[in-house]
Amino acid sequence: MRSAQRMRSSGFTLLEVLVAVAIFVIVGMLALTGYNELSTQSGRVETSAARIRAVQSAVTHLNQDFATLEPRPVRQPIGDGLVPAVRADDRVDELVELTRSGWSNPAGVPRPTLQRVAYRLQDNKLRRDYWVSLDHTSTETPVSTVLLDRVKSVKLRFLASNRQWQDQWPPLGYSAPDLMSLRPMAVEITLELEDWGKITRIVEVPG
């Protein structure tokens, strides 16, 4: 009899087991909730960091292209006419089309160091196009890259030699002999993003 009592006293009652299980479940739920919250916060941080990198990359591309503008017009894809070295006109689909220098060539491919580049806004995405040939034909398809999404608008202004800002380039009414090779003194870039609002940068065009 005493032996049986000692065995019962050294074990756990059903109530004690249920309480222990309940505590274990509660602690597990709290731990799982904390883990899920930590994972959610980590995902938000990574999403935010990726967005920052994308915005910085887009702005860097714009800065580099406008800072290396070259006074080199290109032949029209059809016909014998020329397209200005820098063209920004509401009558064309592109936001701007330009000739830039410094096209890196690490593979040593036989091609010029000048590059014809265009920017356009399509489906709230800022795209950068470039052509392998400087004087490209109408059948040559540009290499297109999405630089940034969630873009509401892009506005460009160009500083002329008279210190006046122009909404298009070459300036409206300009007809001097250097029309095709004319470059602005500076370019003002305003990106309006769905999440960041407006970002404005001014890029000086060297001499």
C-alpha atoms as a PDB file:
ATOM      1  CA  MET A   1       0.000   0.000   0.000  1.00  0.00           C
ATOM      2  CA  ARG A   2       2.741   2.461   0.906  1.00  0.00           C
ATOM      3  CA  SER A   3       4.577   1.570  -2.305  1.00  0.00           C
ATOM      4  CA  ALA A   4       1.511   2.431  -4.393  1.00  0.00           C
ATOM      5  CA  GLN A   5       1.117   5.753  -2.587  1.00  0.00           C
ATOM      6  CA  ARG A   6       4.762   6.617  -3.229  1.00  0.00           C
ATOM      7  CA  MET A   7       4.323   5.907  -6.972  1.00  0.00           C
ATOM      8  CA  ARG A   8       1.245   8.120  -7.156  1.00  0.00           C
ATOM      9  CA  SER A   9       2.964  10.933  -5.264  1.00  0.00           C
ATOM     10  CA  SER A  10       6.024  10.796  -7.524  1.00  0.00           C
ATOM     11  CA  GLY A  11       3.986  11.037 -10.796  1.00  0.00           C
ATOM     12  CA  PHE A  12       1.840  13.823 -12.362  1.00  0.00           C
ATOM     13  CA  THR A  13      -1.869  14.124 -12.184  1.00  0.00           C
ATOM     14  CA  LEU A  14      -3.952  14.564 -15.333  1.00  0.00           C
ATOM     15  CA  LEU A  15      -4.636  18.176 -14.419  1.00  0.00           C
ATOM     16  CA  GLU A  16      -0.934  18.912 -14.090  1.00  0.00           C
ATOM     17  CA  VAL A  17      -0.233  17.350 -17.467  1.00  0.00           C
ATOM     18  CA  LEU A  18      -3.009  19.402 -19.113  1.00  0.00           C
ATOM     19  CA  VAL A  19      -1.693  22.605 -17.546  1.00  0.00           C
ATOM     20  CA  ALA A  20       1.841  21.836 -18.742  1.00  0.00           C
ATOM     21  CA  VAL A  21       0.568  21.147 -22.271  1.00  0.00           C
ATOM     22  CA  ALA A  22      -1.443  24.362 -22.268  1.00  0.00           C
ATOM     23  CA  ILE A  23       1.612  26.379 -21.168  1.00  0.00           C
ATOM     24  CA  PHE A  24       3.723  24.712 -23.852  1.00  0.00           C
ATOM     25  CA  VAL A  25       1.129  25.546 -26.525  1.00  0.00           C
ATOM     26  CA  ILE A  26       0.897  29.175 -25.402  1.00  0.00           C
ATOM     27  CA  VAL A  27       4.676  29.598 -25.352  1.00  0.00           C
ATOM     28  CA  GLY A  28       4.889  27.967 -28.797  1.00  0.00           C
ATOM     29  CA  MET A  29       2.214  30.288 -30.203  1.00  0.00           C
ATOM     30  CA  LEU A  30       3.996  33.341 -28.795  1.00  0.00           C
ATOM     31  CA  ALA A  31       7.289  32.169 -30.277  1.00  0.00           C
ATOM     32  CA  LEU A  32       5.685  31.507 -33.666  1.00  0.00           C
ATOM     33  CA  THR A  33       3.997  34.910 -33.662  1.00  0.00           C
ATOM     34  CA  GLY A  34       7.310  36.592 -32.872  1.00  0.00           C
ATOM     35  CA  TYR A  35       9.059  34.661 -35.628  1.00  0.00           C
ATOM     36  CA  ASN A  36       6.371  35.574 -38.171  1.00  0.00           C
ATOM     37  CA  GLU A  37       6.568  39.228 -37.172  1.00  0.00           C
ATOM     38  CA  LEU A  38      10.354  39.166 -37.461  1.00  0.00           C
ATOM     39  CA  SER A  39      10.127  37.524 -40.894  1.00  0.00           C
ATOM     40  CA  THR A  40       7.574  40.131 -42.030  1.00  0.00           C
ATOM     41  CA  GLN A  41       9.764  43.000 -40.835  1.00  0.00           C
ATOM     42  CA  SER A  42      12.809  41.443 -42.514  1.00  0.00           C
ATOM     43  CA  GLY A  43      10.863  41.142 -45.786  1.00  0.00           C
ATOM     44  CA  ARG A  44       9.780  44.770 -45.554  1.00  0.00           C
ATOM     45  CA  VAL A  45      13.339  45.906 -44.945  1.00  0.00           C
ATOM     46  CA  GLU A  46      14.606  43.917 -47.954  1.00  0.00           C
ATOM     47  CA  THR A  47      11.793  45.259 -50.172  1.00  0.00           C
ATOM     48  CA  SER A  48      12.594  48.804 -49.088  1.00  0.00           C
ATOM     49  CA  ALA A  49      16.324  48.275 -49.699  1.00  0.00           C
ATOM     50  CA  ALA A  50      15.642  46.836 -53.157  1.00  0.00           C
ATOM     51  CA  ARG A  51      13.504  49.865 -54.000  1.00  0.00           C
ATOM     52  CA  ILE A  52      16.232  52.244 -52.864  1.00  0.00           C
ATOM     53  CA  ARG A  53      18.770  50.414 -55.040  1.00  0.00           C
ATOM     54  CA  ALA A  54      16.444  50.582 -58.063  1.00  0.00           C
ATOM     55  CA  VAL A  55      15.843  54.327 -57.654  1.00  0.00           C
ATOM     56  CA  GLN A  56      19.556  54.999 -57.180  1.00  0.00           C
ATOM     57  CA  SER A  57      20.408  52.921 -60.265  1.00  0.00           C
ATOM     58  CA  ALA A  58      17.866  54.761 -62.430  1.00  0.00           C
ATOM     59  CA  VAL A  59      19.099  58.173 -61.289  1.00  0.00           C
ATOM     60  CA  THR A  60      22.713  57.085 -61.855  1.00  0.00           C
ATOM     61  CA  HIS A  61      21.953  56.018 -65.437  1.00  0.00           C
ATOM     62  CA  LEU A  62      20.249  59.339 -66.157  1.00  0.00           C
ATOM     63  CA  ASN A  63      23.123  61.292 -64.602  1.00  0.00           C
ATOM     64  CA  GLN A  64      25.774  59.398 -66.545  1.00  0.00           C
ATOM     65  CA  ASP A  65      23.985  59.677 -69.875  1.00  0.00           C
ATOM     66  CA  PHE A  66      23.343  63.415 -69.628  1.00  0.00           C
ATOM     67  CA  ALA A  67      26.789  64.135 -68.182  1.00  0.00           C
ATOM     68  CA  THR A  68      28.433  62.486 -71.208  1.00  0.00           C
ATOM     69  CA  LEU A  69      26.351  64.072 -73.969  1.00  0.00           C
ATOM     70  CA  GLU A  70      28.153  64.267 -77.298  1.00  0.00           C
ATOM     71  CA  PRO A  71      27.356  66.735 -80.123  1.00  0.00           C
ATOM     72  CA  ARG A  72      26.951  63.892 -82.589  1.00  0.00           C
ATOM     73  CA  PRO A  73      23.680  63.732 -84.551  1.00  0.00           C
ATOM     74  CA  VAL A  74      22.652  60.432 -86.129  1.00  0.00           C
ATOM     75  CA  ARG A  75      21.124  59.565 -89.455  1.00  0.00           C
ATOM     76  CA  GLN A  76      17.391  59.099 -89.590  1.00  0.00           C
ATOM     77  CA  PRO A  77      16.407  55.414 -89.751  1.00  0.00           C
ATOM     78  CA  ILE A  78      14.597  56.183 -93.024  1.00  0.00           C
ATOM     79  CA  GLY A  79      15.873  58.764 -95.480  1.00  0.00           C
ATOM     80  CA  ASP A  80      18.970  60.942 -95.609  1.00  0.00           C
ATOM     81  CA  GLY A  81      18.049  63.400 -92.853  1.00  0.00           C
ATOM     82  CA  LEU A  82      19.621  63.752 -89.430  1.00  0.00           C
ATOM     83  CA  VAL A  83      18.286  63.407 -85.903  1.00  0.00           C
ATOM     84  CA  PRO A  84      19.723  65.973 -83.443  1.00  0.00           C
ATOM     85  CA  ALA A  85      22.376  64.887 -80.971  1.00  0.00           C
ATOM     86  CA  VAL A  86      19.765  65.520 -78.260  1.00  0.00           C
ATOM     87  CA  ARG A  87      16.082  65.305 -79.110  1.00  0.00           C
ATOM     88  CA  ALA A  88      13.219  65.780 -76.658  1.00  0.00           C
ATOM     89  CA  ASP A  89       9.946  66.516 -78.384  1.00  0.00           C
ATOM     90  CA  ASP A  90       6.316  65.759 -77.569  1.00  0.00           C
ATOM     91  CA  ARG A  91       5.792  64.631 -81.167  1.00  0.00           C
ATOM     92  CA  VAL A  92       7.848  61.463 -80.652  1.00  0.00           C
ATOM     93  CA  ASP A  93       7.289  58.525 -78.313  1.00  0.00           C
ATOM     94  CA  GLU A  94      10.586  58.819 -76.460  1.00  0.00           C
ATOM     95  CA  LEU A  95      11.063  61.187 -73.542  1.00  0.00           C
ATOM     96  CA  VAL A  96      14.514  61.951 -74.885  1.00  0.00           C
ATOM     97  CA  GLU A  97      16.970  60.495 -77.368  1.00  0.00           C
ATOM     98  CA  LEU A  98      20.648  61.343 -77.153  1.00  0.00           C
ATOM     99  CA  THR A  99      24.188  60.449 -78.110  1.00  0.00           C
ATOM    100  CA  ARG A 100      26.519  59.730 -75.231  1.00  0.00           C
ATOM    101  CA  SER A 101      30.189  58.836 -74.935  1.00  0.00           C
ATOM    102  CA  GLY A 102      32.042  56.410 -72.710  1.00  0.00           C
ATOM    103  CA  TRP A 103      30.294  53.226 -73.813  1.00  0.00           C
ATOM    104  CA  SER A 104      32.453  50.623 -72.116  1.00  0.00           C
ATOM    105  CA  ASN A 105      33.704  47.725 -74.217  1.00  0.00           C
ATOM    106  CA  PRO A 106      35.366  45.155 -71.917  1.00  0.00           C
ATOM    107  CA  ALA A 107      34.998  42.384 -74.499  1.00  0.00           C
ATOM    108  CA  GLY A 108      36.790  44.374 -77.211  1.00  0.00           C
ATOM    109  CA  VAL A 109      33.874  44.127 -79.658  1.00  0.00           C
ATOM    110  CA  PRO A 110      34.477  46.166 -82.840  1.00  0.00           C
ATOM    111  CA  ARG A 111      32.046  49.051 -82.294  1.00  0.00           C
ATOM    112  CA  PRO A 112      32.176  52.790 -81.494  1.00  0.00           C
ATOM    113  CA  THR A 113      32.511  54.180 -77.987  1.00  0.00           C
ATOM    114  CA  LEU A 114      29.566  56.495 -78.717  1.00  0.00           C
ATOM    115  CA  GLN A 115      26.107  55.153 -78.010  1.00  0.00           C
ATOM    116  CA  ARG A 116      22.623  56.207 -79.025  1.00  0.00           C
ATOM    117  CA  VAL A 117      20.258  56.055 -76.052  1.00  0.00           C
ATOM    118  CA  ALA A 118      16.568  56.748 -75.555  1.00  0.00           C
ATOM    119  CA  TYR A 119      14.348  56.934 -72.492  1.00  0.00           C
ATOM    120  CA  ARG A 120      10.618  56.283 -72.538  1.00  0.00           C
ATOM    121  CA  LEU A 121       7.809  55.840 -70.049  1.00  0.00           C
ATOM    122  CA  GLN A 122       5.613  52.828 -70.741  1.00  0.00           C
ATOM    123  CA  ASP A 123       3.004  51.322 -68.401  1.00  0.00           C
ATOM    124  CA  ASN A 124       4.445  53.306 -65.470  1.00  0.00           C
ATOM    125  CA  LYS A 125       7.890  51.848 -66.161  1.00  0.00           C
ATOM    126  CA  LEU A 126      10.925  53.920 -67.062  1.00  0.00           C
ATOM    127  CA  ARG A 127      12.765  52.170 -69.880  1.00  0.00           C
ATOM    128  CA  ARG A 128      16.242  52.789 -71.233  1.00  0.00           C
ATOM    129  CA  ASP A 129      16.881  51.729 -74.834  1.00  0.00           C
ATOM    130  CA  TYR A 130      20.142  51.689 -76.731  1.00  0.00           C
ATOM    131  CA  TRP A 131      21.180  50.690 -80.225  1.00  0.00           C
ATOM    132  CA  VAL A 132      24.248  48.657 -81.069  1.00  0.00           C
ATOM    133  CA  SER A 133      24.795  50.797 -84.171  1.00  0.00           C
ATOM    134  CA  LEU A 134      25.091  54.536 -83.734  1.00  0.00           C
ATOM    135  CA  ASP A 135      23.391  55.244 -87.078  1.00  0.00           C
ATOM    136  CA  HIS A 136      20.827  52.490 -86.760  1.00  0.00           C
ATOM    137  CA  THR A 137      18.293  51.458 -89.359  1.00  0.00           C
ATOM    138  CA  SER A 138      14.538  51.063 -88.933  1.00  0.00           C
ATOM    139  CA  THR A 139      14.928  47.282 -88.777  1.00  0.00           C
ATOM    140  CA  GLU A 140      17.371  47.342 -85.867  1.00  0.00           C
ATOM    141  CA  THR A 141      15.675  46.563 -82.567  1.00  0.00           C
ATOM    142  CA  PRO A 142      17.047  48.444 -79.549  1.00  0.00           C
ATOM    143  CA  VAL A 143      18.172  46.706 -76.398  1.00  0.00           C
ATOM    144  CA  SER A 144      15.578  47.695 -73.811  1.00  0.00           C
ATOM    145  CA  THR A 145      15.869  47.614 -70.017  1.00  0.00           C
ATOM    146  CA  VAL A 146      13.318  48.535 -67.354  1.00  0.00           C
ATOM    147  CA  LEU A 147      15.153  50.845 -64.957  1.00  0.00           C
ATOM    148  CA  LEU A 148      12.311  51.644 -62.590  1.00  0.00           C
ATOM    149  CA  ASP A 149       8.654  50.805 -62.048  1.00  0.00           C
ATOM    150  CA  ARG A 150       5.839  52.669 -60.290  1.00  0.00           C
ATOM    151  CA  VAL A 151       6.771  55.861 -62.149  1.00  0.00           C
ATOM    152  CA  LYS A 152       3.880  58.307 -62.503  1.00  0.00           C
ATOM    153  CA  SER A 153       5.656  60.851 -64.685  1.00  0.00           C
ATOM    154  CA  VAL A 154       9.028  62.052 -65.959  1.00  0.00           C
ATOM    155  CA  LYS A 155       9.682  65.697 -66.760  1.00  0.00           C
ATOM    156  CA  LEU A 156      12.820  67.011 -68.443  1.00  0.00           C
ATOM    157  CA  ARG A 157      13.911  70.617 -68.813  1.00  0.00           C
ATOM    158  CA  PHE A 158      16.966  71.871 -70.669  1.00  0.00           C
ATOM    159  CA  LEU A 159      19.041  74.948 -69.849  1.00  0.00           C
ATOM    160  CA  ALA A 160      19.898  76.890 -73.005  1.00  0.00           C
ATOM    161  CA  SER A 161      22.885  79.196 -73.453  1.00  0.00           C
ATOM    162  CA  ASN A 162      20.654  82.219 -72.699  1.00  0.00           C
ATOM    163  CA  ARG A 163      20.078  80.769 -69.196  1.00  0.00           C
ATOM    164  CA  GLN A 164      16.446  80.009 -69.988  1.00  0.00           C
ATOM    165  CA  TRP A 165      14.898  76.634 -69.253  1.00  0.00           C
ATOM    166  CA  GLN A 166      13.325  74.873 -72.239  1.00  0.00           C
ATOM    167  CA  ASP A 167      10.739  72.083 -72.178  1.00  0.00           C
ATOM    168  CA  GLN A 168      11.947  70.623 -75.471  1.00  0.00           C
ATOM    169  CA  TRP A 169      15.260  70.267 -77.273  1.00  0.00           C
ATOM    170  CA  PRO A 170      16.470  71.697 -79.570  1.00  0.00           C
ATOM    171  CA  PRO A 171      14.646  74.817 -78.353  1.00  0.00           C
ATOM    172  CA  LEU A 172      11.494  75.767 -80.212  1.00  0.00           C
ATOM    173  CA  GLY A 173      12.294  78.242 -82.985  1.00  0.00           C
ATOM    174  CA  TYR A 174      16.057  77.641 -82.913  1.00  0.00           C
ATOM    175  CA  SER A 175      17.450  77.463 -86.435  1.00  0.00           C
ATOM    176  CA  ALA A 176      21.181  78.207 -86.197  1.00  0.00           C
ATOM    177  CA  PRO A 177      23.685  76.113 -88.198  1.00  0.00           C
ATOM    178  CA  ASP A 178      24.610  74.125 -85.074  1.00  0.00           C
ATOM    179  CA  LEU A 179      21.011  72.953 -84.561  1.00  0.00           C
ATOM    180  CA  MET A 180      21.815  69.259 -84.998  1.00  0.00           C
ATOM    181  CA  SER A 181      24.804  69.226 -82.640  1.00  0.00           C
ATOM    182  CA  LEU A 182      23.432  71.660 -80.054  1.00  0.00           C
ATOM    183  CA  ARG A 183      23.670  70.552 -76.423  1.00  0.00           C
ATOM    184  CA  PRO A 184      22.090  72.140 -73.344  1.00  0.00           C
ATOM    185  CA  MET A 185      24.173  73.550 -70.507  1.00  0.00           C
ATOM    186  CA  ALA A 186      22.305  71.464 -67.970  1.00  0.00           C
ATOM    187  CA  VAL A 187      19.369  69.095 -67.721  1.00  0.00           C
ATOM    188  CA  GLU A 188      16.761  69.082 -64.957  1.00  0.00           C
ATOM    189  CA  ILE A 189      15.232  65.651 -64.331  1.00  0.00           C
ATOM    190  CA  THR A 190      12.056  65.263 -62.259  1.00  0.00           C
ATOM    191  CA  LEU A 191      10.780  61.771 -61.506  1.00  0.00           C
ATOM    192  CA  GLU A 192       7.399  61.429 -59.830  1.00  0.00           C
ATOM    193  CA  LEU A 193       7.088  58.018 -58.169  1.00  0.00           C
ATOM    194  CA  GLU A 194       3.993  56.410 -56.709  1.00  0.00           C
ATOM    195  CA  ASP A 195       5.710  55.754 -53.375  1.00  0.00           C
ATOM    196  CA  TRP A 196       8.395  58.426 -53.109  1.00  0.00           C
ATOM    197  CA  GLY A 197       6.754  61.460 -54.647  1.00  0.00           C
ATOM    198  CA  LYS A 198       8.962  63.778 -56.704  1.00  0.00           C
ATOM    199  CA  ILE A 199      12.727  63.436 -57.090  1.00  0.00           C
ATOM    200  CA  THR A 200      14.556  66.251 -58.898  1.00  0.00           C
ATOM    201  CA  ARG A 201      18.158  66.255 -60.081  1.00  0.00           C
ATOM    202  CA  ILE A 202      20.081  68.784 -62.161  1.00  0.00           C
ATOM    203  CA  VAL A 203      22.899  67.432 -64.285  1.00  0.00           C
ATOM    204  CA  GLU A 204      25.534  69.803 -65.670  1.00  0.00           C
ATOM    205  CA  VAL A 205      26.604  69.054 -69.233  1.00  0.00           C
ATOM    206  CA  PRO A 206      30.381  69.548 -69.548  1.00  0.00           C
ATOM    207  CA  GLY A 207      31.668  72.153 -72.013  1.00  0.00           C
END
